[in-house]
Every structure is written in structure tokens, then in C-alpha cells.
Amino acid sequence: MRIAATGFVSEQAGSVASANALFLRDLLARGHQIDFFSKASFVDPRPAVGEHPGFRFHDCTNGMADRFRRRVERIPLVGFAAGRWDCWSYVDLLRARMEREHRAVSRAFDLILWLGDYAWRRVDGVPQVSFVQGPPGTDARSLLTRFPEVRRVAGLGTALKFALLARVRLSRPGLPPFRRTDHFIVGSGQSKRTLVERYRIPGERVTTLPYPIDLNLFRLEMNALGLQSPYSGLRILWLGRVVPRKRLDLFLDGAALAIRDGVDLRLTIVGGIGLVPGYGKLIAAFPFPERLEWIRSVPRAEVPAWLHRHDVLCQPSDEENFGSSVAEAQACGLPVIVGRTNGNADYLCSRDTHLADDRPETLASVFRDYAERKRIGGEAWGDPAGSRALAEREFAVEAVVERLEEMLRAVDVASGRKL
């Protein structure tokens, strides 16, 4: 197939971008030809796949709008308007360049693949697939439901500002143009249900597919047992952005309840403050500061080492599409705890826990259970090889890309009718 692609790709960036780099590399290895369209200063996939003969990069830098946005982006209101102009002129240029390449007799595309984003423009006659990071508005909805918390950590003025932005994001003008996508791919059943039930996308237009994981980077080590450390208590890792939807409040409240109840815990938070300022106050207010370490960021190559220093990964997020850190932890042999509306619940084994609700008491009970299982060891703790086996079955690059390839071919075949 000849595929036009755009979106977020990087070997060194976060979960979505790194997964997309794996997708591109394996699709190219399978003989597909990929033309990637992007502003080089924004996304440049050439360090990841540029050496492959089937890959071509098209720099779509929108010079005037890009330069103006850079000059004024820190000026209130003016910077926002410049950012909108930059965005819209950029996607217009993407469409024009894709259309030009498609119209060339030797360069006709079978489909256009938007990686990590919704299709914002359409090239006539070419089916479009959007492999999105999840349904739109998940962070916006959390800003509204968590308004009292945002007000407490960031102040009333900031909370009101973000509530207004959230309502704009959730309004019709703030939503992506769903009609420009022929088929959607999301990471979990949780996301598919939201697209179908909230946004009325027909279920046959949505496929679920997890992100692939680099199983050579995230691999099983003996210390995944958690029994080699001189610390006998339970070491719990939080890995990811600190934003309202990720539910740091639930993580900390559950841990505090467990510690008060006598459970020996050590917590590590790896992740910077994103979106709403002031969330560091929750960490500073934790009543057992000697039990908690906060690392703002670590290079991606060091993430496996941080996983292996812990016994359990906890991700109590609301409306999580697919948390790559959860899958990476499983690949490293760790059990995981995921939130009630976390899409990773589709990909758990017997060592893992899917929270039934978002009460701190429930999470504290789960922490207590894992601490006891670690103390007993053996069958009570479970075999890390079971977590690894699940990761190899569900997240291996070859298996995931094979399913993606089948789905793309089906869309291509069906492109003669309205999808």
C-alpha cells in the first residue's frame, strides 16, 4: 500500500509518539510505502525511519504563520490568535501537499493515516484513518468534574479560566470534524464506548487496537519480584503527567489511608505538572513526606530501570484510552493497578487490579493486599512471567502491526462505498 501519514512520531517522546514510530518502522519493513507530511520543527520522524527506502518526508512548514506565532506566542490573546492561525494554515498546507502528491500519476495514495490525531482536512477520493489518542474532551471533562480540586490548588481565577476553556473544548466548534474520518482506531473498549455513546460514531467505524511496546527495551528482570531490595515494604510507582484526569488526589489519599492503617509503603511519582499549575501542592501536603519521592522527568531510556526499582505500578486515571506505562510495566513483570474507567482494563492478567470505584478506601485496601502478597511471596505474589506473557501476547510490535495492516487493507477495499 502507498500511505500518506501525518501526526506525532518520535522514538524519544511519550507513549503515543514512540508507539507511532514503531508502527511506521514495521509497516515499512512489511513493504508499504509511506509519505510523511509534517512541519519539520514540529514533528520530524526521519531520525526514527528516515533511512528506509520506502519512506519519503515532505516538510510542510507554513512559513509566515509559523514565524508570527513564534514571535507573539507569549502575548495574551494575540498569542492565542496567532496559534489558531498557525494551526489552521498548517493543516491547510498538509492537505494541499497531500493532494498534490496524490494527483501525481505515480504517487496515488491508497489511504491517509493520521497518527495520534483526528483528520482535520480531506483529500477527495482518498479514505482516511484516524488512530487517535482517545475520544476528544477527556481532559476537559475532568477539569469540570474536578473543579473544586483545581480551585484548591490553582486558585479560583485559574479554575474559572480552565473551566471556560473546557466548555469551549466540549462545544461543537471545539470538537474535531468526525465526518472527515472514515475509520477510527482507539486503544481500548473504554474509548470506543465513549465515541459510540457520547459522540454517536457508528460502532462499525471504530476499531480497538493497543499501542505496541518495545519488548526489547521493556523486558523482564529478576528484581521485578520486588524481593531483591533491602526494603521489605511495597514500592509503588506513579508514572505519567500530573493532570486532574490522572487522579493524583486518589493516588495520594489512598496511600495515606493505607499508611495510617500500618501498611509499609514507599511511593515514587515520576511526572511533571501538566495543564494546570499548582498540583505540586498535593504532593507537598502529603502527610508522610518521608515515604514519597517526586521526580519531575526522566529520559525515556531510563524508564525501564525505574520500573524495575518498584513492585507495583498504579494508574488510577479517569477515561484513560490506553496507558503505555501500564503496558510497559507489565512487560517488565510488574503487576498494575488501573482506574475504574481506565481502558487498560482490557489488557490485564490475574496479578493486576481493576478498581471497582474511585474511593480512596478502595485503593488503600488494594495497596494493603499487594503489601501482604509481597510479604508472603511465592504464589501469593505471582509469577512476573505471567505479566510478561500478557505483554508479549497483546503488545508485541509484530502482532499489533499485523492487526493494523489488516484493518488498513479493509478500509482500502471498502473505500468504494461510504464507510
Foldseek 3Di string as FASTA:
>chain_A
DEEEEEEAADCFDDDQRNLVLLLVQVVVVVPYAYEYEEACVVHDSCVSPVVRPSYHYDHQQPPPLVVLLVVCLPPPPSNVVSVVVRVVVSLVSVQVVLLVQCPPPVRNHLAYEYGQDDNQDARPPHAYEYAHQFAWLLLLVLLVVCLVVLCVQFNDVLSVVSPVVSVVCPDPVNHGDNLRHQAYEFAFPLRLCCCCPVVVDPSVRYHHAHRADPLVLLAADPLLLVPVDPDLAAEEEEEEEDGSQQPPVLVLLLVLVLVVVPGDYAYEYEAAHPDRPRPVVSLVPRPCVVRYYYHHHDTPSCLNVVLSNGAEYEGQGAQRGARVSCLSSLNHLHEYEYHQSHRCVVQHDPLYYYQVHSHSNSSNVVSRQQRVLSNVGDPSNHGSVVSNVSSCVRRHSVVRSVVVVVVSVVCSVCSVDRD
